[in-house]
PDB file of N, CA and C in Angstrom:
ATOM      1  N   MET A   1      96.467  58.835 119.004  1.00  0.00           N
ATOM      2  CA  MET A   1      96.103  60.144 118.025  1.00  0.00           C
ATOM      3  C   MET A   1      95.596  59.483 116.985  1.00  0.00           C
ATOM      4  N   THR A   2      94.615  60.773 116.400  1.00  0.00           N
ATOM      5  CA  THR A   2      93.990  60.646 115.034  1.00  0.00           C
ATOM      6  C   THR A   2      94.513  61.424 113.875  1.00  0.00           C
ATOM      7  N   ILE A   3      94.272  60.997 112.868  1.00  0.00           N
ATOM      8  CA  ILE A   3      94.885  61.604 111.925  1.00  0.00           C
ATOM      9  C   ILE A   3      93.636  61.745 110.765  1.00  0.00           C
ATOM     10  N   LEU A   4      93.237  63.333 110.084  1.00  0.00           N
ATOM     11  CA  LEU A   4      92.254  63.321 109.473  1.00  0.00           C
ATOM     12  C   LEU A   4      92.729  63.941 108.394  1.00  0.00           C
ATOM     13  N   THR A   5      92.160  63.750 107.040  1.00  0.00           N
ATOM     14  CA  THR A   5      92.855  64.242 105.888  1.00  0.00           C
ATOM     15  C   THR A   5      91.769  65.009 104.915  1.00  0.00           C
ATOM     16  N   SER A   6      92.297  66.037 104.078  1.00  0.00           N
ATOM     17  CA  SER A   6      91.163  66.484 103.333  1.00  0.00           C
ATOM     18  C   SER A   6      91.776  66.907 102.092  1.00  0.00           C
ATOM     19  N   LYS A   7      91.342  67.211 100.902  1.00  0.00           N
ATOM     20  CA  LYS A   7      91.813  67.537  99.607  1.00  0.00           C
ATOM     21  C   LYS A   7      91.783  69.525  99.328  1.00  0.00           C
ATOM     22  N   LEU A   8      92.989  69.656  98.813  1.00  0.00           N
ATOM     23  CA  LEU A   8      93.082  70.937  98.476  1.00  0.00           C
ATOM     24  C   LEU A   8      92.244  70.900  97.066  1.00  0.00           C
ATOM     25  N   THR A   9      91.706  71.956  96.456  1.00  0.00           N
ATOM     26  CA  THR A   9      90.867  72.426  95.708  1.00  0.00           C
ATOM     27  C   THR A   9      91.845  73.020  94.778  1.00  0.00           C
ATOM     28  N   GLY A  10      91.513  73.367  93.540  1.00  0.00           N
ATOM     29  CA  GLY A  10      92.039  73.898  92.573  1.00  0.00           C
ATOM     30  C   GLY A  10      92.680  75.472  93.032  1.00  0.00           C
ATOM     31  N   LYS A  11      91.771  75.951  94.107  1.00  0.00           N
ATOM     32  CA  LYS A  11      92.159  77.256  94.657  1.00  0.00           C
ATOM     33  C   LYS A  11      92.971  77.169  95.910  1.00  0.00           C
ATOM     34  N   TYR A  12      93.261  76.200  96.201  1.00  0.00           N
ATOM     35  CA  TYR A  12      93.991  75.659  97.404  1.00  0.00           C
ATOM     36  C   TYR A  12      93.331  75.933  98.731  1.00  0.00           C
ATOM     37  N   GLN A  13      91.745  75.547  98.642  1.00  0.00           N
ATOM     38  CA  GLN A  13      90.888  75.429  99.547  1.00  0.00           C
ATOM     39  C   GLN A  13      90.890  74.160 100.198  1.00  0.00           C
ATOM     40  N   ALA A  14      90.905  73.864 101.464  1.00  0.00           N
ATOM     41  CA  ALA A  14      90.259  72.646 102.177  1.00  0.00           C
ATOM     42  C   ALA A  14      89.183  72.765 102.950  1.00  0.00           C
ATOM     43  N   THR A  15      88.411  71.584 102.942  1.00  0.00           N
ATOM     44  CA  THR A  15      87.540  71.397 103.896  1.00  0.00           C
ATOM     45  C   THR A  15      87.921  70.842 105.303  1.00  0.00           C
ATOM     46  N   ILE A  16      87.592  71.649 106.360  1.00  0.00           N
ATOM     47  CA  ILE A  16      88.223  71.237 107.852  1.00  0.00           C
ATOM     48  C   ILE A  16      87.042  70.273 108.240  1.00  0.00           C
ATOM     49  N   PRO A  17      87.633  68.922 108.773  1.00  0.00           N
ATOM     50  CA  PRO A  17      86.652  67.841 108.933  1.00  0.00           C
ATOM     51  C   PRO A  17      86.014  68.143 110.139  1.00  0.00           C
ATOM     52  N   ASP A  18      84.888  67.581 110.148  1.00  0.00           N
ATOM     53  CA  ASP A  18      83.840  67.680 111.197  1.00  0.00           C
ATOM     54  C   ASP A  18      84.358  67.509 112.745  1.00  0.00           C
ATOM     55  N   ALA A  19      85.301  66.512 112.992  1.00  0.00           N
ATOM     56  CA  ALA A  19      85.813  66.417 114.069  1.00  0.00           C
ATOM     57  C   ALA A  19      86.792  67.537 114.472  1.00  0.00           C
ATOM     58  N   VAL A  20      87.523  68.176 113.444  1.00  0.00           N
ATOM     59  CA  VAL A  20      88.378  69.523 113.735  1.00  0.00           C
ATOM     60  C   VAL A  20      87.371  70.632 114.174  1.00  0.00           C
ATOM     61  N   ARG A  21      86.617  70.708 113.281  1.00  0.00           N
ATOM     62  CA  ARG A  21      85.491  71.670 113.731  1.00  0.00           C
ATOM     63  C   ARG A  21      84.826  71.749 114.821  1.00  0.00           C
ATOM     64  N   LYS A  22      84.687  70.526 115.481  1.00  0.00           N
ATOM     65  CA  LYS A  22      84.032  70.244 116.715  1.00  0.00           C
ATOM     66  C   LYS A  22      84.894  70.575 117.757  1.00  0.00           C
ATOM     67  N   ALA A  23      85.950  70.089 117.555  1.00  0.00           N
ATOM     68  CA  ALA A  23      87.269  70.075 118.601  1.00  0.00           C
ATOM     69  C   ALA A  23      87.573  71.566 119.075  1.00  0.00           C
ATOM     70  N   LEU A  24      87.502  72.352 117.980  1.00  0.00           N
ATOM     71  CA  LEU A  24      87.741  73.911 117.869  1.00  0.00           C
ATOM     72  C   LEU A  24      86.674  74.505 118.134  1.00  0.00           C
ATOM     73  N   ASN A  25      85.669  74.279 118.270  1.00  0.00           N
ATOM     74  CA  ASN A  25      84.264  74.928 118.398  1.00  0.00           C
ATOM     75  C   ASN A  25      84.490  75.957 117.511  1.00  0.00           C
ATOM     76  N   LEU A  26      84.479  75.520 115.662  1.00  0.00           N
ATOM     77  CA  LEU A  26      84.103  76.468 115.042  1.00  0.00           C
ATOM     78  C   LEU A  26      83.119  76.621 114.291  1.00  0.00           C
ATOM     79  N   LYS A  27      82.722  77.504 113.960  1.00  0.00           N
ATOM     80  CA  LYS A  27      81.469  77.901 113.219  1.00  0.00           C
ATOM     81  C   LYS A  27      81.781  78.920 111.599  1.00  0.00           C
ATOM     82  N   ALA A  28      80.736  78.717 110.916  1.00  0.00           N
ATOM     83  CA  ALA A  28      80.827  79.487 109.655  1.00  0.00           C
ATOM     84  C   ALA A  28      81.087  80.947 109.753  1.00  0.00           C
ATOM     85  N   GLY A  29      82.275  81.103 109.217  1.00  0.00           N
ATOM     86  CA  GLY A  29      82.776  82.800 109.244  1.00  0.00           C
ATOM     87  C   GLY A  29      83.700  82.749 110.379  1.00  0.00           C
ATOM     88  N   ASP A  30      84.013  81.799 111.078  1.00  0.00           N
ATOM     89  CA  ASP A  30      85.315  81.800 112.327  1.00  0.00           C
ATOM     90  C   ASP A  30      86.387  82.092 111.686  1.00  0.00           C
ATOM     91  N   ALA A  31      87.284  82.891 111.925  1.00  0.00           N
ATOM     92  CA  ALA A  31      88.679  82.850 111.415  1.00  0.00           C
ATOM     93  C   ALA A  31      89.518  81.884 112.214  1.00  0.00           C
ATOM     94  N   ILE A  32      90.506  81.386 111.171  1.00  0.00           N
ATOM     95  CA  ILE A  32      91.586  80.347 111.713  1.00  0.00           C
ATOM     96  C   ILE A  32      93.051  80.899 111.897  1.00  0.00           C
ATOM     97  N   ALA A  33      93.874  80.066 112.554  1.00  0.00           N
ATOM     98  CA  ALA A  33      95.235  80.782 112.737  1.00  0.00           C
ATOM     99  C   ALA A  33      95.923  79.339 112.395  1.00  0.00           C
ATOM    100  N   PHE A  34      97.048  79.237 111.517  1.00  0.00           N
ATOM    101  CA  PHE A  34      98.034  78.463 111.415  1.00  0.00           C
ATOM    102  C   PHE A  34      99.486  78.768 112.091  1.00  0.00           C
ATOM    103  N   GLU A  35      99.810  78.183 112.732  1.00  0.00           N
ATOM    104  CA  GLU A  35     100.942  78.501 113.401  1.00  0.00           C
ATOM    105  C   GLU A  35     102.300  77.594 112.848  1.00  0.00           C
ATOM    106  N   ILE A  36     103.382  77.828 112.368  1.00  0.00           N
ATOM    107  CA  ILE A  36     104.418  77.108 111.864  1.00  0.00           C
ATOM    108  C   ILE A  36     105.287  77.082 112.334  1.00  0.00           C
ATOM    109  N   ASP A  37     106.197  75.984 112.976  1.00  0.00           N
ATOM    110  CA  ASP A  37     107.094  75.826 114.120  1.00  0.00           C
ATOM    111  C   ASP A  37     107.849  74.756 113.552  1.00  0.00           C
ATOM    112  N   ASN A  38     109.192  74.976 112.844  1.00  0.00           N
ATOM    113  CA  ASN A  38     110.192  73.797 112.700  1.00  0.00           C
ATOM    114  C   ASN A  38     109.684  72.687 111.825  1.00  0.00           C
ATOM    115  N   GLY A  39     108.858  73.498 110.905  1.00  0.00           N
ATOM    116  CA  GLY A  39     108.215  72.279 109.947  1.00  0.00           C
ATOM    117  C   GLY A  39     107.025  71.542 110.193  1.00  0.00           C
ATOM    118  N   GLU A  40     106.452  71.873 111.433  1.00  0.00           N
ATOM    119  CA  GLU A  40     105.234  71.564 111.925  1.00  0.00           C
ATOM    120  C   GLU A  40     104.237  72.745 112.120  1.00  0.00           C
ATOM    121  N   ILE A  41     102.759  72.396 111.540  1.00  0.00           N
ATOM    122  CA  ILE A  41     101.757  73.370 111.455  1.00  0.00           C
ATOM    123  C   ILE A  41     100.760  72.859 112.355  1.00  0.00           C
ATOM    124  N   ARG A  42     100.251  74.002 113.284  1.00  0.00           N
ATOM    125  CA  ARG A  42      99.122  73.653 114.235  1.00  0.00           C
ATOM    126  C   ARG A  42      98.152  74.775 113.549  1.00  0.00           C
ATOM    127  N   LEU A  43      96.909  74.129 113.558  1.00  0.00           N
ATOM    128  CA  LEU A  43      95.566  74.932 113.044  1.00  0.00           C
ATOM    129  C   LEU A  43      94.857  75.147 114.522  1.00  0.00           C
ATOM    130  N   ARG A  44      94.242  76.322 114.863  1.00  0.00           N
ATOM    131  CA  ARG A  44      93.724  76.909 115.903  1.00  0.00           C
ATOM    132  C   ARG A  44      92.622  77.710 115.464  1.00  0.00           C
ATOM    133  N   LYS A  45      91.499  78.169 116.098  1.00  0.00           N
ATOM    134  CA  LYS A  45      90.583  79.153 116.113  1.00  0.00           C
ATOM    135  C   LYS A  45      91.644  80.231 116.448  1.00  0.00           C
ATOM    136  N   ALA A  46      91.435  81.269 115.589  1.00  0.00           N
ATOM    137  CA  ALA A  46      92.142  82.687 115.830  1.00  0.00           C
ATOM    138  C   ALA A  46      91.557  83.342 117.143  1.00  0.00           C
ATOM    139  N   ARG A  47      92.584  84.061 117.672  1.00  0.00           N
ATOM    140  CA  ARG A  47      92.255  84.746 118.709  1.00  0.00           C
ATOM    141  C   ARG A  47      92.078  86.157 118.444  1.00  0.00           C
ATOM    142  N   PRO A  48      91.772  87.065 119.377  1.00  0.00           N
ATOM    143  CA  PRO A  48      91.580  88.452 119.037  1.00  0.00           C
ATOM    144  C   PRO A  48      92.796  88.978 118.792  1.00  0.00           C
ATOM    145  N   ILE A  49      93.932  88.471 119.649  1.00  0.00           N
ATOM    146  CA  ILE A  49      95.070  89.107 119.214  1.00  0.00           C
ATOM    147  C   ILE A  49      95.629  88.694 117.943  1.00  0.00           C
ATOM    148  N   ASP A  50      95.312  87.795 117.711  1.00  0.00           N
ATOM    149  CA  ASP A  50      95.670  87.071 115.909  1.00  0.00           C
ATOM    150  C   ASP A  50      95.177  88.243 115.067  1.00  0.00           C
ATOM    151  N   LEU A  51      93.818  88.185 115.328  1.00  0.00           N
ATOM    152  CA  LEU A  51      93.041  89.312 114.168  1.00  0.00           C
ATOM    153  C   LEU A  51      93.498  90.649 114.127  1.00  0.00           C
ATOM    154  N   ALA A  52      93.898  91.004 115.693  1.00  0.00           N
ATOM    155  CA  ALA A  52      94.427  92.635 115.473  1.00  0.00           C
ATOM    156  C   ALA A  52      95.603  92.789 115.047  1.00  0.00           C
ATOM    157  N   PHE A  53      96.919  91.791 115.092  1.00  0.00           N
ATOM    158  CA  PHE A  53      98.102  91.735 114.450  1.00  0.00           C
ATOM    159  C   PHE A  53      97.598  91.786 112.884  1.00  0.00           C
ATOM    160  N   ALA A  54      97.060  91.067 112.461  1.00  0.00           N
ATOM    161  CA  ALA A  54      96.701  90.918 111.209  1.00  0.00           C
ATOM    162  C   ALA A  54      96.078  92.125 110.426  1.00  0.00           C
ATOM    163  N   HIS A  55      95.359  92.679 111.140  1.00  0.00           N
ATOM    164  CA  HIS A  55      94.818  93.952 111.003  1.00  0.00           C
ATOM    165  C   HIS A  55      95.565  95.031 110.796  1.00  0.00           C
ATOM    166  N   ALA A  56      96.685  95.083 111.473  1.00  0.00           N
ATOM    167  CA  ALA A  56      97.750  96.086 111.856  1.00  0.00           C
ATOM    168  C   ALA A  56      98.533  95.912 110.723  1.00  0.00           C
ATOM    169  N   LEU A  57      98.503  94.817 109.993  1.00  0.00           N
ATOM    170  CA  LEU A  57      99.775  94.702 109.034  1.00  0.00           C
ATOM    171  C   LEU A  57      99.170  95.092 107.868  1.00  0.00           C
ATOM    172  N   GLU A  58      97.787  95.046 107.570  1.00  0.00           N
ATOM    173  CA  GLU A  58      97.162  95.056 106.397  1.00  0.00           C
ATOM    174  C   GLU A  58      97.581  96.333 105.596  1.00  0.00           C
ATOM    175  N   GLY A  59      97.850  97.568 106.260  1.00  0.00           N
ATOM    176  CA  GLY A  59      98.414  98.750 105.615  1.00  0.00           C
ATOM    177  C   GLY A  59      99.711  98.679 105.309  1.00  0.00           C
ATOM    178  N   THR A  60     100.575  97.916 105.628  1.00  0.00           N
ATOM    179  CA  THR A  60     102.050  97.759 105.121  1.00  0.00           C
ATOM    180  C   THR A  60     102.164  96.834 104.113  1.00  0.00           C
ATOM    181  N   LEU A  61     101.144  96.307 103.748  1.00  0.00           N
ATOM    182  CA  LEU A  61     101.274  95.168 102.473  1.00  0.00           C
ATOM    183  C   LEU A  61     100.906  95.696 100.965  1.00  0.00           C
ATOM    184  N   SER A  62     100.945  96.807 100.708  1.00  0.00           N
ATOM    185  CA  SER A  62     100.671  97.418  99.477  1.00  0.00           C
ATOM    186  C   SER A  62     101.101  97.185  98.305  1.00  0.00           C
ATOM    187  N   GLU A  63     102.357  96.445  98.720  1.00  0.00           N
ATOM    188  CA  GLU A  63     103.180  95.768  97.381  1.00  0.00           C
ATOM    189  C   GLU A  63     102.412  94.685  96.787  1.00  0.00           C
ATOM    190  N   TRP A  64     101.526  94.090  97.636  1.00  0.00           N
ATOM    191  CA  TRP A  64     100.794  92.657  96.930  1.00  0.00           C
ATOM    192  C   TRP A  64      99.318  93.319  96.425  1.00  0.00           C
ATOM    193  N   GLU A  65      99.275  94.307  96.033  1.00  0.00           N
ATOM    194  CA  GLU A  65      97.939  94.764  95.734  1.00  0.00           C
ATOM    195  C   GLU A  65      97.663  94.861  94.274  1.00  0.00           C
ATOM    196  N   PHE A  66      98.768  94.238  93.284  1.00  0.00           N
ATOM    197  CA  PHE A  66      98.229  93.960  92.113  1.00  0.00           C
ATOM    198  C   PHE A  66      98.296  92.827  91.528  1.00  0.00           C
ATOM    199  N   SER A  67      97.511  92.524  90.491  1.00  0.00           N
ATOM    200  CA  SER A  67      97.520  91.127  89.744  1.00  0.00           C
ATOM    201  C   SER A  67      98.834  90.426  89.796  1.00  0.00           C
ATOM    202  N   ALA A  68      99.719  91.320  88.929  1.00  0.00           N
ATOM    203  CA  ALA A  68     100.902  90.806  88.424  1.00  0.00           C
ATOM    204  C   ALA A  68     101.879  90.320  89.394  1.00  0.00           C
ATOM    205  N   ASP A  69     101.691  91.095  90.473  1.00  0.00           N
ATOM    206  CA  ASP A  69     102.631  90.455  91.378  1.00  0.00           C
ATOM    207  C   ASP A  69     102.081  89.207  92.200  1.00  0.00           C
ATOM    208  N   GLU A  70     100.793  89.113  92.360  1.00  0.00           N
ATOM    209  CA  GLU A  70     100.009  87.958  92.896  1.00  0.00           C
ATOM    210  C   GLU A  70     100.315  86.761  91.894  1.00  0.00           C
ATOM    211  N   GLU A  71     100.487  87.332  90.888  1.00  0.00           N
ATOM    212  CA  GLU A  71     100.703  85.540  89.784  1.00  0.00           C
ATOM    213  C   GLU A  71     102.281  85.524  89.857  1.00  0.00           C
ATOM    214  N   ALA A  72     103.181  86.501  89.951  1.00  0.00           N
ATOM    215  CA  ALA A  72     104.660  86.431  90.045  1.00  0.00           C
ATOM    216  C   ALA A  72     105.016  85.413  91.411  1.00  0.00           C
ATOM    217  N   TYR A  73     104.418  85.715  92.275  1.00  0.00           N
ATOM    218  CA  TYR A  73     104.550  85.354  93.657  1.00  0.00           C
ATOM    219  C   TYR A  73     103.785  83.844  93.977  1.00  0.00           C
ATOM    220  N   SER A  74     103.006  83.842  93.324  1.00  0.00           N
ATOM    221  CA  SER A  74     102.036  82.892  93.263  1.00  0.00           C
ATOM    222  C   SER A  74     102.564  81.218  93.908  1.00  0.00           C
ATOM    223  N   GLU A  75     103.679  80.992  93.459  1.00  0.00           N
ATOM    224  CA  GLU A  75     104.554  79.779  93.614  1.00  0.00           C
ATOM    225  C   GLU A  75     105.224  79.396  94.989  1.00  0.00           C
ATOM    226  N   LEU A  76     105.457  80.548  95.483  1.00  0.00           N
ATOM    227  CA  LEU A  76     106.219  80.840  96.822  1.00  0.00           C
ATOM    228  C   LEU A  76     105.760  79.847  97.934  1.00  0.00           C
TER     229      LEU A  76
END
């Protein structure tokens, strides 16, 4: 097993290590998916169904459109 690490920036962004990008065949602009299951997180290249699902939800998330809401719930 190989373990790779990356640091979070102040904006909670991280660089995906080169070995991971190569293993997942990721290119700049690709979407990634995070699968959360019983405390484990799996990172993978997003599939078309993932993107369609996210797009379908966008219209239902209007309650998060205001900066005050973003600030109030940012610690969740």
